[in-house]
């Protein structure tokens, strides 16, 4: 299984350099993961980031579709 596919941990953002890693935190439950931004988007007004289905599931909002999140860039060692 490809870790960057729909069920992997990837994201899309309009302005961040590609590729880059960000920590995304769901503000309602404080769950946090690191994802790789590897695509452009989102293309829906008011959204700052689109997450893969796998990332949304890990953060606990897949069934809701959207959530308020914090996005922070991170540097990975290695």
PDB file of N, CA and C in Angstrom:
ATOM      1  N   UNK A   1       0.841  -1.179   0.000  1.00  0.00           N
ATOM      2  CA  UNK A   1       0.000   0.000   0.000  1.00  0.00           C
ATOM      3  C   UNK A   1       0.882   1.237   0.000  1.00  0.00           C
ATOM      4  N   UNK A   2       0.579   2.183  -0.826  1.00  0.00           N
ATOM      5  CA  UNK A   2       1.338   3.432  -0.909  1.00  0.00           C
ATOM      6  C   UNK A   2       0.977   4.333   0.261  1.00  0.00           C
ATOM      7  N   UNK A   3       1.974   4.801   1.044  1.00  0.00           N
ATOM      8  CA  UNK A   3       1.668   5.621   2.208  1.00  0.00           C
ATOM      9  C   UNK A   3       1.127   7.001   1.852  1.00  0.00           C
ATOM     10  N   UNK A   4       1.222   7.418   0.596  1.00  0.00           N
ATOM     11  CA  UNK A   4       0.745   8.736   0.211  1.00  0.00           C
ATOM     12  C   UNK A   4      -0.570   8.683  -0.556  1.00  0.00           C
ATOM     13  N   UNK A   5      -1.192   7.538  -0.648  1.00  0.00           N
ATOM     14  CA  UNK A   5      -2.452   7.411  -1.354  1.00  0.00           C
ATOM     15  C   UNK A   5      -3.614   7.946  -0.535  1.00  0.00           C
ATOM     16  N   UNK A   6      -4.831   7.671  -0.998  1.00  0.00           N
ATOM     17  CA  UNK A   6      -6.031   8.197  -0.337  1.00  0.00           C
ATOM     18  C   UNK A   6      -6.120   7.783   1.125  1.00  0.00           C
ATOM     19  N   UNK A   7      -5.667   6.585   1.450  1.00  0.00           N
ATOM     20  CA  UNK A   7      -5.716   6.130   2.834  1.00  0.00           C
ATOM     21  C   UNK A   7      -4.409   6.372   3.575  1.00  0.00           C
ATOM     22  N   UNK A   8      -3.454   6.980   2.905  1.00  0.00           N
ATOM     23  CA  UNK A   8      -2.188   7.319   3.550  1.00  0.00           C
ATOM     24  C   UNK A   8      -2.301   8.619   4.317  1.00  0.00           C
ATOM     25  N   UNK A   9      -1.157   9.232   4.598  1.00  0.00           N
ATOM     26  CA  UNK A   9      -1.135  10.469   5.369  1.00  0.00           C
ATOM     27  C   UNK A   9      -0.568  11.584   4.503  1.00  0.00           C
ATOM     28  N   UNK A  10      -1.411  12.131   3.633  1.00  0.00           N
ATOM     29  CA  UNK A  10      -0.977  13.188   2.729  1.00  0.00           C
ATOM     30  C   UNK A  10      -1.971  14.332   2.762  1.00  0.00           C
ATOM     31  N   UNK A  11      -1.553  15.460   2.139  1.00  0.00           N
ATOM     32  CA  UNK A  11      -2.399  16.643   2.162  1.00  0.00           C
ATOM     33  C   UNK A  11      -2.150  17.490   0.922  1.00  0.00           C
ATOM     34  N   UNK A  12      -3.048  18.457   0.713  1.00  0.00           N
ATOM     35  CA  UNK A  12      -2.917  19.434  -0.362  1.00  0.00           C
ATOM     36  C   UNK A  12      -3.071  20.829   0.234  1.00  0.00           C
ATOM     37  N   UNK A  13      -2.236  21.756  -0.232  1.00  0.00           N
ATOM     38  CA  UNK A  13      -2.255  23.137   0.262  1.00  0.00           C
ATOM     39  C   UNK A  13      -1.945  24.075  -0.897  1.00  0.00           C
ATOM     40  N   UNK A  14      -2.550  25.264  -0.900  1.00  0.00           N
ATOM     41  CA  UNK A  14      -2.384  26.197  -2.020  1.00  0.00           C
ATOM     42  C   UNK A  14      -1.007  26.827  -2.104  1.00  0.00           C
ATOM     43  N   UNK A  15      -0.388  27.160  -0.963  1.00  0.00           N
ATOM     44  CA  UNK A  15       0.789  28.014  -1.013  1.00  0.00           C
ATOM     45  C   UNK A  15       2.079  27.429  -0.448  1.00  0.00           C
ATOM     46  N   UNK A  16       2.020  26.397   0.355  1.00  0.00           N
ATOM     47  CA  UNK A  16       3.237  25.845   0.942  1.00  0.00           C
ATOM     48  C   UNK A  16       4.118  25.236  -0.146  1.00  0.00           C
ATOM     49  N   UNK A  17       5.452  25.278   0.039  1.00  0.00           N
ATOM     50  CA  UNK A  17       6.340  24.652  -0.947  1.00  0.00           C
ATOM     51  C   UNK A  17       6.135  23.135  -0.955  1.00  0.00           C
ATOM     52  N   UNK A  18       6.307  22.547  -2.126  1.00  0.00           N
ATOM     53  CA  UNK A  18       6.140  21.094  -2.267  1.00  0.00           C
ATOM     54  C   UNK A  18       7.485  20.423  -2.456  1.00  0.00           C
ATOM     55  N   UNK A  19       7.719  19.285  -1.858  1.00  0.00           N
ATOM     56  CA  UNK A  19       6.949  18.717  -0.754  1.00  0.00           C
ATOM     57  C   UNK A  19       7.383  19.340   0.569  1.00  0.00           C
ATOM     58  N   UNK A  20       6.498  19.297   1.542  1.00  0.00           N
ATOM     59  CA  UNK A  20       6.790  19.776   2.891  1.00  0.00           C
ATOM     60  C   UNK A  20       5.957  18.945   3.864  1.00  0.00           C
ATOM     61  N   UNK A  21       6.439  18.823   5.079  1.00  0.00           N
ATOM     62  CA  UNK A  21       5.706  18.101   6.113  1.00  0.00           C
ATOM     63  C   UNK A  21       5.078  19.092   7.080  1.00  0.00           C
ATOM     64  N   UNK A  22       3.842  18.820   7.481  1.00  0.00           N
ATOM     65  CA  UNK A  22       3.136  19.674   8.438  1.00  0.00           C
ATOM     66  C   UNK A  22       2.500  18.812   9.522  1.00  0.00           C
ATOM     67  N   UNK A  23       2.412  19.393  10.712  1.00  0.00           N
ATOM     68  CA  UNK A  23       1.657  18.758  11.802  1.00  0.00           C
ATOM     69  C   UNK A  23       0.263  19.365  11.763  1.00  0.00           C
ATOM     70  N   UNK A  24      -0.743  18.492  11.677  1.00  0.00           N
ATOM     71  CA  UNK A  24      -2.136  18.929  11.658  1.00  0.00           C
ATOM     72  C   UNK A  24      -2.781  18.450  12.953  1.00  0.00           C
ATOM     73  N   UNK A  25      -3.393  19.389  13.674  1.00  0.00           N
ATOM     74  CA  UNK A  25      -4.042  19.074  14.944  1.00  0.00           C
ATOM     75  C   UNK A  25      -5.526  19.388  14.832  1.00  0.00           C
ATOM     76  N   UNK A  26      -6.352  18.403  15.158  1.00  0.00           N
ATOM     77  CA  UNK A  26      -7.800  18.597  15.220  1.00  0.00           C
ATOM     78  C   UNK A  26      -8.081  19.368  16.511  1.00  0.00           C
ATOM     79  N   UNK A  27      -8.622  20.574  16.408  1.00  0.00           N
ATOM     80  CA  UNK A  27      -8.812  21.420  17.579  1.00  0.00           C
ATOM     81  C   UNK A  27      -9.922  20.938  18.510  1.00  0.00           C
ATOM     82  N   UNK A  28     -10.805  20.077  18.032  1.00  0.00           N
ATOM     83  CA  UNK A  28     -11.888  19.608  18.900  1.00  0.00           C
ATOM     84  C   UNK A  28     -11.481  18.439  19.790  1.00  0.00           C
ATOM     85  N   UNK A  29     -10.531  17.612  19.338  1.00  0.00           N
ATOM     86  CA  UNK A  29     -10.134  16.456  20.158  1.00  0.00           C
ATOM     87  C   UNK A  29      -8.631  16.410  20.444  1.00  0.00           C
ATOM     88  N   UNK A  30      -7.875  17.367  19.912  1.00  0.00           N
ATOM     89  CA  UNK A  30      -6.427  17.505  20.121  1.00  0.00           C
ATOM     90  C   UNK A  30      -5.598  16.375  19.515  1.00  0.00           C
ATOM     91  N   UNK A  31      -6.181  15.542  18.663  1.00  0.00           N
ATOM     92  CA  UNK A  31      -5.390  14.536  17.946  1.00  0.00           C
ATOM     93  C   UNK A  31      -4.498  15.244  16.950  1.00  0.00           C
ATOM     94  N   UNK A  32      -3.275  14.736  16.781  1.00  0.00           N
ATOM     95  CA  UNK A  32      -2.296  15.399  15.931  1.00  0.00           C
ATOM     96  C   UNK A  32      -1.514  14.357  15.141  1.00  0.00           C
ATOM     97  N   UNK A  33      -1.236  14.654  13.872  1.00  0.00           N
ATOM     98  CA  UNK A  33      -0.423  13.787  13.025  1.00  0.00           C
ATOM     99  C   UNK A  33       0.458  14.649  12.124  1.00  0.00           C
ATOM    100  N   UNK A  34       1.491  14.030  11.586  1.00  0.00           N
ATOM    101  CA  UNK A  34       2.339  14.677  10.596  1.00  0.00           C
ATOM    102  C   UNK A  34       2.001  14.089   9.233  1.00  0.00           C
ATOM    103  N   UNK A  35       1.762  14.974   8.258  1.00  0.00           N
ATOM    104  CA  UNK A  35       1.424  14.551   6.899  1.00  0.00           C
ATOM    105  C   UNK A  35       2.346  15.239   5.909  1.00  0.00           C
ATOM    106  N   UNK A  36       2.476  14.652   4.746  1.00  0.00           N
ATOM    107  CA  UNK A  36       3.284  15.232   3.673  1.00  0.00           C
ATOM    108  C   UNK A  36       2.360  15.997   2.732  1.00  0.00           C
ATOM    109  N   UNK A  37       2.635  17.269   2.546  1.00  0.00           N
ATOM    110  CA  UNK A  37       1.894  18.076   1.576  1.00  0.00           C
ATOM    111  C   UNK A  37       2.545  17.828   0.221  1.00  0.00           C
ATOM    112  N   UNK A  38       1.796  17.214  -0.675  1.00  0.00           N
ATOM    113  CA  UNK A  38       2.368  16.789  -1.947  1.00  0.00           C
ATOM    114  C   UNK A  38       1.534  17.218  -3.147  1.00  0.00           C
ATOM    115  N   UNK A  39       0.557  18.102  -2.904  1.00  0.00           N
ATOM    116  CA  UNK A  39      -0.344  18.478  -3.986  1.00  0.00           C
ATOM    117  C   UNK A  39      -0.883  19.882  -3.723  1.00  0.00           C
ATOM    118  N   UNK A  40      -1.470  20.486  -4.735  1.00  0.00           N
ATOM    119  CA  UNK A  40      -2.113  21.784  -4.604  1.00  0.00           C
ATOM    120  C   UNK A  40      -3.592  21.613  -4.285  1.00  0.00           C
ATOM    121  N   UNK A  41      -4.151  22.550  -3.625  1.00  0.00           N
ATOM    122  CA  UNK A  41      -5.547  22.549  -3.207  1.00  0.00           C
ATOM    123  C   UNK A  41      -5.591  23.179  -1.839  1.00  0.00           C
ATOM    124  N   UNK A  42      -6.655  23.256  -1.161  1.00  0.00           N
ATOM    125  CA  UNK A  42      -8.002  22.862  -1.586  1.00  0.00           C
ATOM    126  C   UNK A  42      -8.609  23.902  -2.527  1.00  0.00           C
ATOM    127  N   UNK A  43      -9.647  23.497  -3.170  1.00  0.00           N
ATOM    128  CA  UNK A  43     -10.305  24.375  -4.119  1.00  0.00           C
ATOM    129  C   UNK A  43     -11.723  24.715  -3.675  1.00  0.00           C
ATOM    130  N   UNK A  44     -11.969  24.575  -2.381  1.00  0.00           N
ATOM    131  CA  UNK A  44     -13.248  24.952  -1.778  1.00  0.00           C
ATOM    132  C   UNK A  44     -12.990  26.180  -0.911  1.00  0.00           C
ATOM    133  N   UNK A  45     -13.749  27.229  -1.098  1.00  0.00           N
ATOM    134  CA  UNK A  45     -13.553  28.477  -0.349  1.00  0.00           C
ATOM    135  C   UNK A  45     -13.612  28.233   1.151  1.00  0.00           C
ATOM    136  N   UNK A  46     -12.697  28.871   1.870  1.00  0.00           N
ATOM    137  CA  UNK A  46     -12.692  28.791   3.317  1.00  0.00           C
ATOM    138  C   UNK A  46     -11.858  27.670   3.899  1.00  0.00           C
ATOM    139  N   UNK A  47     -11.393  26.751   3.083  1.00  0.00           N
ATOM    140  CA  UNK A  47     -10.553  25.653   3.576  1.00  0.00           C
ATOM    141  C   UNK A  47      -9.082  26.015   3.402  1.00  0.00           C
ATOM    142  N   UNK A  48      -8.267  25.651   4.409  1.00  0.00           N
ATOM    143  CA  UNK A  48      -6.840  25.950   4.302  1.00  0.00           C
ATOM    144  C   UNK A  48      -6.017  24.742   3.879  1.00  0.00           C
ATOM    145  N   UNK A  49      -6.573  23.533   4.070  1.00  0.00           N
ATOM    146  CA  UNK A  49      -5.828  22.314   3.736  1.00  0.00           C
ATOM    147  C   UNK A  49      -6.829  21.210   3.437  1.00  0.00           C
ATOM    148  N   UNK A  50      -6.489  20.340   2.507  1.00  0.00           N
ATOM    149  CA  UNK A  50      -7.256  19.118   2.241  1.00  0.00           C
ATOM    150  C   UNK A  50      -6.414  17.949   2.706  1.00  0.00           C
ATOM    151  N   UNK A  51      -7.014  17.042   3.459  1.00  0.00           N
ATOM    152  CA  UNK A  51      -6.308  15.862   3.951  1.00  0.00           C
ATOM    153  C   UNK A  51      -6.810  14.613   3.255  1.00  0.00           C
ATOM    154  N   UNK A  52      -5.943  13.631   3.139  1.00  0.00           N
ATOM    155  CA  UNK A  52      -6.352  12.331   2.604  1.00  0.00           C
ATOM    156  C   UNK A  52      -7.358  11.696   3.553  1.00  0.00           C
ATOM    157  N   UNK A  53      -8.083  10.706   3.060  1.00  0.00           N
ATOM    158  CA  UNK A  53      -9.056  10.005   3.897  1.00  0.00           C
ATOM    159  C   UNK A  53      -8.377   9.371   5.106  1.00  0.00           C
ATOM    160  N   UNK A  54      -7.189   8.811   4.902  1.00  0.00           N
ATOM    161  CA  UNK A  54      -6.468   8.188   6.015  1.00  0.00           C
ATOM    162  C   UNK A  54      -6.118   9.181   7.101  1.00  0.00           C
ATOM    163  N   UNK A  55      -5.704  10.386   6.704  1.00  0.00           N
ATOM    164  CA  UNK A  55      -5.368  11.422   7.686  1.00  0.00           C
ATOM    165  C   UNK A  55      -6.618  11.883   8.422  1.00  0.00           C
ATOM    166  N   UNK A  56      -7.707  12.091   7.705  1.00  0.00           N
ATOM    167  CA  UNK A  56      -8.960  12.515   8.342  1.00  0.00           C
ATOM    168  C   UNK A  56      -9.463  11.451   9.322  1.00  0.00           C
ATOM    169  N   UNK A  57      -9.302  10.186   8.986  1.00  0.00           N
ATOM    170  CA  UNK A  57      -9.711   9.107   9.895  1.00  0.00           C
ATOM    171  C   UNK A  57      -8.876   9.133  11.166  1.00  0.00           C
ATOM    172  N   UNK A  58      -7.568   9.285  11.026  1.00  0.00           N
ATOM    173  CA  UNK A  58      -6.691   9.323  12.209  1.00  0.00           C
ATOM    174  C   UNK A  58      -6.987  10.518  13.100  1.00  0.00           C
ATOM    175  N   UNK A  59      -7.404  11.612  12.496  1.00  0.00           N
ATOM    176  CA  UNK A  59      -7.709  12.809  13.285  1.00  0.00           C
ATOM    177  C   UNK A  59      -9.142  12.811  13.827  1.00  0.00           C
ATOM    178  N   UNK A  60      -9.941  11.832  13.403  1.00  0.00           N
ATOM    179  CA  UNK A  60     -11.272  11.653  13.977  1.00  0.00           C
ATOM    180  C   UNK A  60     -12.380  12.489  13.381  1.00  0.00           C
ATOM    181  N   UNK A  61     -12.216  12.967  12.129  1.00  0.00           N
ATOM    182  CA  UNK A  61     -13.312  13.739  11.537  1.00  0.00           C
ATOM    183  C   UNK A  61     -13.700  13.262  10.144  1.00  0.00           C
ATOM    184  N   UNK A  62     -13.301  12.081   9.764  1.00  0.00           N
ATOM    185  CA  UNK A  62     -13.598  11.566   8.424  1.00  0.00           C
ATOM    186  C   UNK A  62     -15.101  11.578   8.131  1.00  0.00           C
ATOM    187  N   UNK A  63     -15.913  11.137   9.072  1.00  0.00           N
ATOM    188  CA  UNK A  63     -17.360  11.071   8.855  1.00  0.00           C
ATOM    189  C   UNK A  63     -18.025  12.447   8.811  1.00  0.00           C
ATOM    190  N   UNK A  64     -17.386  13.456   9.397  1.00  0.00           N
ATOM    191  CA  UNK A  64     -17.933  14.815   9.390  1.00  0.00           C
ATOM    192  C   UNK A  64     -17.580  15.552   8.103  1.00  0.00           C
ATOM    193  N   UNK A  65     -16.451  15.216   7.502  1.00  0.00           N
ATOM    194  CA  UNK A  65     -16.020  15.868   6.274  1.00  0.00           C
ATOM    195  C   UNK A  65     -15.071  17.026   6.487  1.00  0.00           C
ATOM    196  N   UNK A  66     -15.339  17.877   7.472  1.00  0.00           N
ATOM    197  CA  UNK A  66     -14.459  19.006   7.763  1.00  0.00           C
ATOM    198  C   UNK A  66     -14.299  19.167   9.268  1.00  0.00           C
ATOM    199  N   UNK A  67     -13.247  19.873   9.651  1.00  0.00           N
ATOM    200  CA  UNK A  67     -13.000  20.157  11.068  1.00  0.00           C
ATOM    201  C   UNK A  67     -12.106  21.380  11.168  1.00  0.00           C
ATOM    202  N   UNK A  68     -12.123  22.019  12.316  1.00  0.00           N
ATOM    203  CA  UNK A  68     -11.191  23.116  12.578  1.00  0.00           C
ATOM    204  C   UNK A  68      -9.872  22.503  12.994  1.00  0.00           C
ATOM    205  N   UNK A  69      -8.801  22.892  12.306  1.00  0.00           N
ATOM    206  CA  UNK A  69      -7.484  22.321  12.568  1.00  0.00           C
ATOM    207  C   UNK A  69      -6.427  23.415  12.676  1.00  0.00           C
ATOM    208  N   UNK A  70      -5.322  23.069  13.316  1.00  0.00           N
ATOM    209  CA  UNK A  70      -4.115  23.911  13.331  1.00  0.00           C
ATOM    210  C   UNK A  70      -3.109  23.234  12.418  1.00  0.00           C
ATOM    211  N   UNK A  71      -2.412  24.020  11.582  1.00  0.00           N
ATOM    212  CA  UNK A  71      -1.399  23.496  10.666  1.00  0.00           C
ATOM    213  C   UNK A  71      -0.077  24.166  10.996  1.00  0.00           C
ATOM    214  N   UNK A  72       0.950  23.348  11.273  1.00  0.00           N
ATOM    215  CA  UNK A  72       2.290  23.856  11.593  1.00  0.00           C
ATOM    216  C   UNK A  72       3.313  23.116  10.750  1.00  0.00           C
ATOM    217  N   UNK A  73       4.238  23.831  10.141  1.00  0.00           N
ATOM    218  CA  UNK A  73       5.292  23.155   9.396  1.00  0.00           C
ATOM    219  C   UNK A  73       6.259  22.493  10.365  1.00  0.00           C
ATOM    220  N   UNK A  74       6.845  21.365   9.941  1.00  0.00           N
ATOM    221  CA  UNK A  74       7.812  20.643  10.764  1.00  0.00           C
ATOM    222  C   UNK A  74       8.995  20.247   9.896  1.00  0.00           C
ATOM    223  N   UNK A  75      10.148  20.127  10.527  1.00  0.00           N
ATOM    224  CA  UNK A  75      11.330  19.613   9.847  1.00  0.00           C
ATOM    225  C   UNK A  75      11.585  18.214  10.333  1.00  0.00           C
ATOM    226  N   UNK A  76      11.738  17.277   9.420  1.00  0.00           N
ATOM    227  CA  UNK A  76      12.040  15.906   9.772  1.00  0.00           C
ATOM    228  C   UNK A  76      13.533  15.697   9.674  1.00  0.00           C
ATOM    229  N   UNK A  77      14.092  14.989  10.631  1.00  0.00           N
ATOM    230  CA  UNK A  77      15.530  14.698  10.587  1.00  0.00           C
ATOM    231  C   UNK A  77      15.794  13.565   9.626  1.00  0.00           C
ATOM    232  N   UNK A  78      16.957  13.614   8.984  1.00  0.00           N
ATOM    233  CA  UNK A  78      17.342  12.523   8.092  1.00  0.00           C
ATOM    234  C   UNK A  78      17.076  12.846   6.730  1.00  0.00           C
TER     235      UNK A  78
END
